[in-house]
Amino acid sequence: MTYPPLNTLKPVAEDIWLIDGPAIRFLGLPFSTRATVVRLSDGGLWVHSPTELTDALRAEIDALGPVRHLIAPNWLHYVWVAPWQAAYPDALSWAAPGVVARAAKKGVTLRFDRDLGDEAPSEWDGQIAQMIVRGPAHSEAVFFHGPSRTLILTDLIENFETDRMAWWQRPIVWVAGIADPDGKMPIDMAMSFSFHRRYLQGRIQQMIDWAPERVILSHGRWYERDGVKELERAFRRVLPRDAGEINPKSLEARIRRIEAQRGRPK
């Protein structure tokens, strides 16, 4: 399941493009891949979840400007960071929580220069807002490009078009709750937040408060319009405020302990 043409820049709005890459297999399913490229006010490029880097794509990238930042937004999206680092050795590589531990566990050696947190660093502050959504099983850096009103997610919403998939793969996507046109947070990820709904509600509300016009997803069809409505639809089972209060700092401390344990050799 892919979105041709592959490995080429596709304009989204002024100073923001996406790249549809080849599919990768995960849990027996073909996952389409998608990178997002933002040109910052200094002319440098910010690349979210890098996909396969071909010679033709590199030529297109170089025509836009110098690559300054490579973003690994969660513990699953770091596979193609290394080729981009080799091509652009002066770029800073940024890692979300869990990325370094996951790569080490898989025997992958990667250089990361900075950690991603809840506040945008000076390099893109005022242009791209960000926060970390921390969960017991999944943590992800979420970004909002203000000038184009574009929210950039990775796996918090997946939206697979089943007509692009083999017949036997479709029931898996339906059960997981990630089939277009009603793509949502995967069911296993959603269940991991069962005892932390108030915390998750706050993070989702921040996404809504940013008032995005569009929402870019890494897997499946992304939302070119009505971003707020799509967020309210996708997270409708989480948004009702009927969960008990939780201390976000307590949850984040617990998650950091889990991430540290994952990174320990067995």
Protein backbone atom coordinates (compact mmCIF):
# COMPACT_ATOMS: atom_id res chain seq x y z
CA MET A 1 0.00 0.00 0.00
CA THR A 2 1.71 3.16 -1.21
CA TYR A 3 0.86 6.64 -2.51
CA PRO A 4 2.64 7.13 -5.86
CA PRO A 5 4.56 8.94 -7.05
CA LEU A 6 7.08 7.86 -4.44
CA ASN A 7 10.28 9.50 -3.24
CA THR A 8 9.43 12.95 -4.54
CA LEU A 9 8.41 16.24 -2.94
CA LYS A 10 4.69 17.00 -2.94
CA PRO A 11 3.60 20.55 -2.00
CA VAL A 12 1.19 20.84 0.94
CA ALA A 13 1.18 24.60 1.48
CA GLU A 14 3.73 27.40 1.43
CA ASP A 15 7.09 26.15 2.77
CA ILE A 16 5.82 22.64 3.60
CA TRP A 17 5.99 19.45 1.53
CA LEU A 18 5.46 15.75 2.10
CA ILE A 19 7.25 12.73 0.69
CA ASP A 20 5.44 9.42 0.20
CA GLY A 21 7.93 6.61 0.54
CA PRO A 22 7.84 2.85 0.00
CA ALA A 23 5.85 0.55 2.25
CA ILE A 24 7.49 -1.29 5.12
CA ARG A 25 6.14 -4.41 6.81
CA PHE A 26 5.17 -4.27 10.48
CA LEU A 27 3.05 -6.82 12.32
CA GLY A 28 2.36 -8.51 9.01
CA LEU A 29 0.89 -5.41 7.37
CA PRO A 30 2.31 -3.10 4.70
CA PHE A 31 2.68 0.33 6.29
CA SER A 32 2.98 3.23 3.89
CA THR A 33 5.66 5.72 4.91
CA ARG A 34 5.56 9.51 4.76
CA ALA A 35 8.01 12.27 5.60
CA THR A 36 7.24 15.96 6.06
CA VAL A 37 9.63 18.73 5.06
CA VAL A 38 9.35 22.29 6.36
CA ARG A 39 11.46 25.20 5.16
CA LEU A 40 12.23 27.40 8.15
CA SER A 41 12.54 31.18 8.02
CA ASP A 42 16.35 30.93 7.80
CA GLY A 43 16.03 28.80 4.67
CA GLY A 44 17.06 25.57 6.40
CA LEU A 45 15.02 22.39 6.06
CA TRP A 46 13.36 20.48 8.89
CA VAL A 47 12.67 16.84 7.98
CA HIS A 48 10.15 14.84 10.02
CA SER A 49 10.30 11.03 9.95
CA PRO A 50 12.74 10.71 7.02
CA THR A 51 11.84 8.14 4.39
CA GLU A 52 14.05 6.41 1.82
CA LEU A 53 16.56 8.84 0.32
CA THR A 54 17.12 8.29 -3.40
CA ASP A 55 19.46 10.25 -5.65
CA ALA A 56 16.52 11.93 -7.39
CA LEU A 57 14.91 12.92 -4.10
CA ARG A 58 18.19 14.26 -2.80
CA ALA A 59 18.46 16.51 -5.83
CA GLU A 60 14.97 17.87 -5.12
CA ILE A 61 15.81 18.42 -1.46
CA ASP A 62 19.05 20.21 -2.28
CA ALA A 63 17.16 22.58 -4.57
CA LEU A 64 14.97 23.65 -1.64
CA GLY A 65 17.75 24.48 0.79
CA PRO A 66 20.21 22.99 3.28
CA VAL A 67 18.95 20.19 5.54
CA ARG A 68 19.41 21.43 9.10
CA HIS A 69 17.23 19.13 11.24
CA LEU A 70 16.32 15.43 11.13
CA ILE A 71 13.42 14.40 13.37
CA ALA A 72 12.85 10.89 14.75
CA PRO A 73 9.36 11.46 16.21
CA ASN A 74 8.84 8.15 18.02
CA TRP A 75 10.44 4.82 18.85
CA LEU A 76 9.46 3.24 15.51
CA HIS A 77 10.41 6.04 13.13
CA TYR A 78 14.19 6.11 12.93
CA VAL A 79 14.97 3.52 10.23
CA TRP A 80 16.01 5.97 7.49
CA VAL A 81 17.68 8.56 9.71
CA ALA A 82 21.16 7.10 9.11
CA PRO A 83 21.19 7.56 5.29
CA TRP A 84 20.07 11.17 5.72
CA GLN A 85 22.79 11.72 8.33
CA ALA A 86 25.37 10.37 5.87
CA ALA A 87 24.05 12.67 3.13
CA TYR A 88 23.77 15.71 5.40
CA PRO A 89 26.47 15.42 8.10
CA ASP A 90 25.94 18.99 9.31
CA ALA A 91 22.26 18.43 10.14
CA LEU A 92 21.24 18.09 13.79
CA SER A 93 19.42 14.84 14.61
CA TRP A 94 16.61 15.04 17.17
CA ALA A 95 15.13 12.06 19.04
CA ALA A 96 11.79 11.63 20.77
CA PRO A 97 11.63 9.67 24.04
CA GLY A 98 12.28 5.97 23.49
CA VAL A 99 14.09 6.26 20.15
CA VAL A 100 17.63 5.77 21.43
CA ALA A 101 16.69 2.81 23.64
CA ARG A 102 14.74 1.11 20.84
CA ALA A 103 17.55 1.53 18.32
CA ALA A 104 20.09 0.15 20.80
CA LYS A 105 17.86 -2.83 21.55
CA LYS A 106 17.73 -3.58 17.82
CA GLY A 107 21.50 -3.28 17.54
CA VAL A 108 21.30 -0.06 15.54
CA THR A 109 23.91 2.58 16.26
CA LEU A 110 22.70 6.08 15.54
CA ARG A 111 23.95 9.52 16.46
CA PHE A 112 21.37 11.82 18.01
CA ASP A 113 22.42 15.32 18.92
CA ARG A 114 19.40 16.59 20.84
CA ASP A 115 16.31 15.31 22.66
CA LEU A 116 12.82 16.47 21.77
CA GLY A 117 10.70 17.85 24.59
CA ASP A 118 7.48 19.73 25.24
CA GLU A 119 8.91 23.09 24.23
CA ALA A 120 10.13 24.01 20.77
CA PRO A 121 13.87 24.72 20.73
CA SER A 122 15.20 28.07 19.59
CA GLU A 123 15.99 26.60 16.16
CA TRP A 124 12.29 26.57 15.21
CA ASP A 125 10.49 28.30 18.07
CA GLY A 126 7.73 30.57 16.77
CA GLN A 127 7.38 28.54 13.58
CA ILE A 128 6.74 24.98 14.72
CA ALA A 129 5.10 24.29 18.10
CA GLN A 130 5.56 20.90 19.71
CA MET A 131 4.75 18.65 22.63
CA ILE A 132 5.37 15.07 23.71
CA VAL A 133 2.45 12.68 24.15
CA ARG A 134 3.81 10.17 26.66
CA GLY A 135 2.13 6.80 27.06
CA PRO A 136 3.01 3.56 28.85
CA ALA A 137 3.49 1.78 25.50
CA HIS A 138 4.02 4.63 23.05
CA SER A 139 5.44 8.13 23.23
CA GLU A 140 5.39 10.53 20.31
CA ALA A 141 6.51 14.05 19.48
CA VAL A 142 3.67 16.07 17.95
CA PHE A 143 4.29 19.19 15.86
CA PHE A 144 2.22 22.10 14.58
CA HIS A 145 3.50 24.27 11.74
CA GLY A 146 1.78 27.55 12.48
CA PRO A 147 2.22 29.41 9.17
CA SER A 148 0.44 26.65 7.22
CA ARG A 149 -1.81 25.50 10.10
CA THR A 150 -0.58 21.93 9.65
CA LEU A 151 -0.52 19.37 12.46
CA ILE A 152 2.12 16.66 11.97
CA LEU A 153 1.40 13.30 13.61
CA THR A 154 3.13 9.95 13.26
CA ASP A 155 1.22 7.00 14.73
CA LEU A 156 -1.33 8.59 17.07
CA ILE A 157 -3.80 8.34 14.20
CA GLU A 158 -3.55 5.76 11.41
CA ASN A 159 -5.94 5.79 8.47
CA PHE A 160 -5.51 2.83 6.11
CA GLU A 161 -7.47 2.71 2.87
CA THR A 162 -8.53 -0.93 2.75
CA ASP A 163 -9.13 -0.93 -1.01
CA ARG A 164 -5.35 -0.60 -1.36
CA MET A 165 -4.76 -3.74 0.74
CA ALA A 166 -5.02 -7.49 0.23
CA TRP A 167 -8.38 -8.92 1.25
CA TRP A 168 -6.91 -10.91 4.13
CA GLN A 169 -5.28 -7.80 5.63
CA ARG A 170 -8.50 -5.81 5.80
CA PRO A 171 -10.04 -7.51 8.89
CA ILE A 172 -6.89 -6.71 10.88
CA VAL A 173 -7.24 -3.02 10.05
CA TRP A 174 -10.98 -3.02 10.83
CA VAL A 175 -10.44 -4.67 14.22
CA ALA A 176 -7.62 -2.26 15.05
CA GLY A 177 -9.96 0.65 14.28
CA ILE A 178 -7.60 2.26 11.79
CA ALA A 179 -9.55 1.94 8.53
CA ASP A 180 -10.38 4.97 6.39
CA PRO A 181 -12.63 6.96 6.55
CA ASP A 182 -12.70 6.45 10.32
CA GLY A 183 -9.00 6.17 11.13
CA LYS A 184 -8.14 6.46 14.81
CA MET A 185 -5.49 5.70 17.37
CA PRO A 186 -4.68 1.95 17.07
CA ILE A 187 -6.68 -0.03 19.61
CA ASP A 188 -3.65 -1.42 21.45
CA MET A 189 -2.23 2.07 21.86
CA ALA A 190 -5.60 3.42 23.00
CA MET A 191 -5.93 0.64 25.59
CA SER A 192 -2.51 1.51 27.02
CA PHE A 193 -3.94 4.93 27.96
CA SER A 194 -6.96 3.41 29.74
CA PHE A 195 -5.84 4.60 33.16
CA HIS A 196 -4.49 7.90 31.89
CA ARG A 197 -7.39 9.30 29.90
CA ARG A 198 -7.36 12.72 31.56
CA TYR A 199 -3.73 13.17 30.60
CA LEU A 200 -4.40 12.09 27.01
CA GLN A 201 -7.45 14.36 26.81
CA GLY A 202 -5.26 17.33 27.69
CA ARG A 203 -2.79 16.53 24.95
CA ILE A 204 -5.53 16.05 22.37
CA GLN A 205 -7.17 19.30 23.45
CA GLN A 206 -3.89 21.09 22.78
CA MET A 207 -3.91 19.70 19.23
CA ILE A 208 -7.46 20.98 18.77
CA ASP A 209 -6.61 24.37 20.29
CA TRP A 210 -3.89 24.83 17.69
CA ALA A 211 -6.80 24.80 15.18
CA PRO A 212 -5.08 22.92 12.36
CA GLU A 213 -6.55 23.12 8.89
CA ARG A 214 -4.81 19.92 7.82
CA VAL A 215 -3.34 16.88 9.58
CA ILE A 216 -0.45 14.91 8.09
CA LEU A 217 -0.25 11.25 9.14
CA SER A 218 2.60 8.84 8.52
CA HIS A 219 0.38 5.90 7.57
CA GLY A 220 -2.60 5.97 5.24
CA ARG A 221 -4.65 8.83 3.86
CA TRP A 222 -3.90 12.16 5.50
CA TYR A 223 -6.38 14.99 6.06
CA GLU A 224 -6.03 17.88 3.63
CA ARG A 225 -8.87 19.92 5.19
CA ASP A 226 -11.16 20.11 8.25
CA GLY A 227 -8.31 19.25 10.59
CA VAL A 228 -10.16 20.07 13.81
CA LYS A 229 -13.21 18.02 12.78
CA GLU A 230 -10.99 15.07 11.93
CA LEU A 231 -9.29 15.26 15.33
CA GLU A 232 -12.62 15.41 17.13
CA ARG A 233 -13.85 12.43 15.12
CA ALA A 234 -10.69 10.34 15.51
CA PHE A 235 -10.46 10.94 19.28
CA ARG A 236 -14.20 11.03 20.04
CA ARG A 237 -13.92 8.06 22.42
CA VAL A 238 -11.28 9.85 24.45
CA LEU A 239 -12.53 13.42 24.50
CA PRO A 240 -15.62 13.08 26.78
CA ARG A 241 -14.42 14.38 30.11
CA ASP A 242 -15.61 11.61 32.36
CA ALA A 243 -12.26 10.19 33.44
CA GLY A 244 -10.75 10.62 36.88
CA GLU A 245 -8.06 13.19 37.46
CA ILE A 246 -4.45 12.14 37.04
CA ASN A 247 -1.26 13.93 37.84
CA PRO A 248 0.61 14.28 34.51
CA LYS A 249 3.96 14.53 36.30
CA SER A 250 3.36 11.19 38.04
CA LEU A 251 2.49 9.55 34.72
CA GLU A 252 5.54 10.96 32.97
CA ALA A 253 7.83 9.80 35.80
CA ARG A 254 6.41 6.29 35.48
CA ILE A 255 6.86 6.30 31.71
CA ARG A 256 10.46 7.46 32.01
CA ARG A 257 11.14 4.48 34.31
CA ILE A 258 9.60 2.14 31.71
CA GLU A 259 11.72 3.69 28.94
CA ALA A 260 14.88 3.32 31.04
CA GLN A 261 14.11 -0.35 31.68
CA ARG A 262 13.60 -0.96 27.95
CA GLY A 263 17.04 0.37 27.26
CA ARG A 264 18.78 -1.96 29.73
CA PRO A 265 20.53 -5.01 28.20
CA LYS A 266 19.01 -8.37 29.12
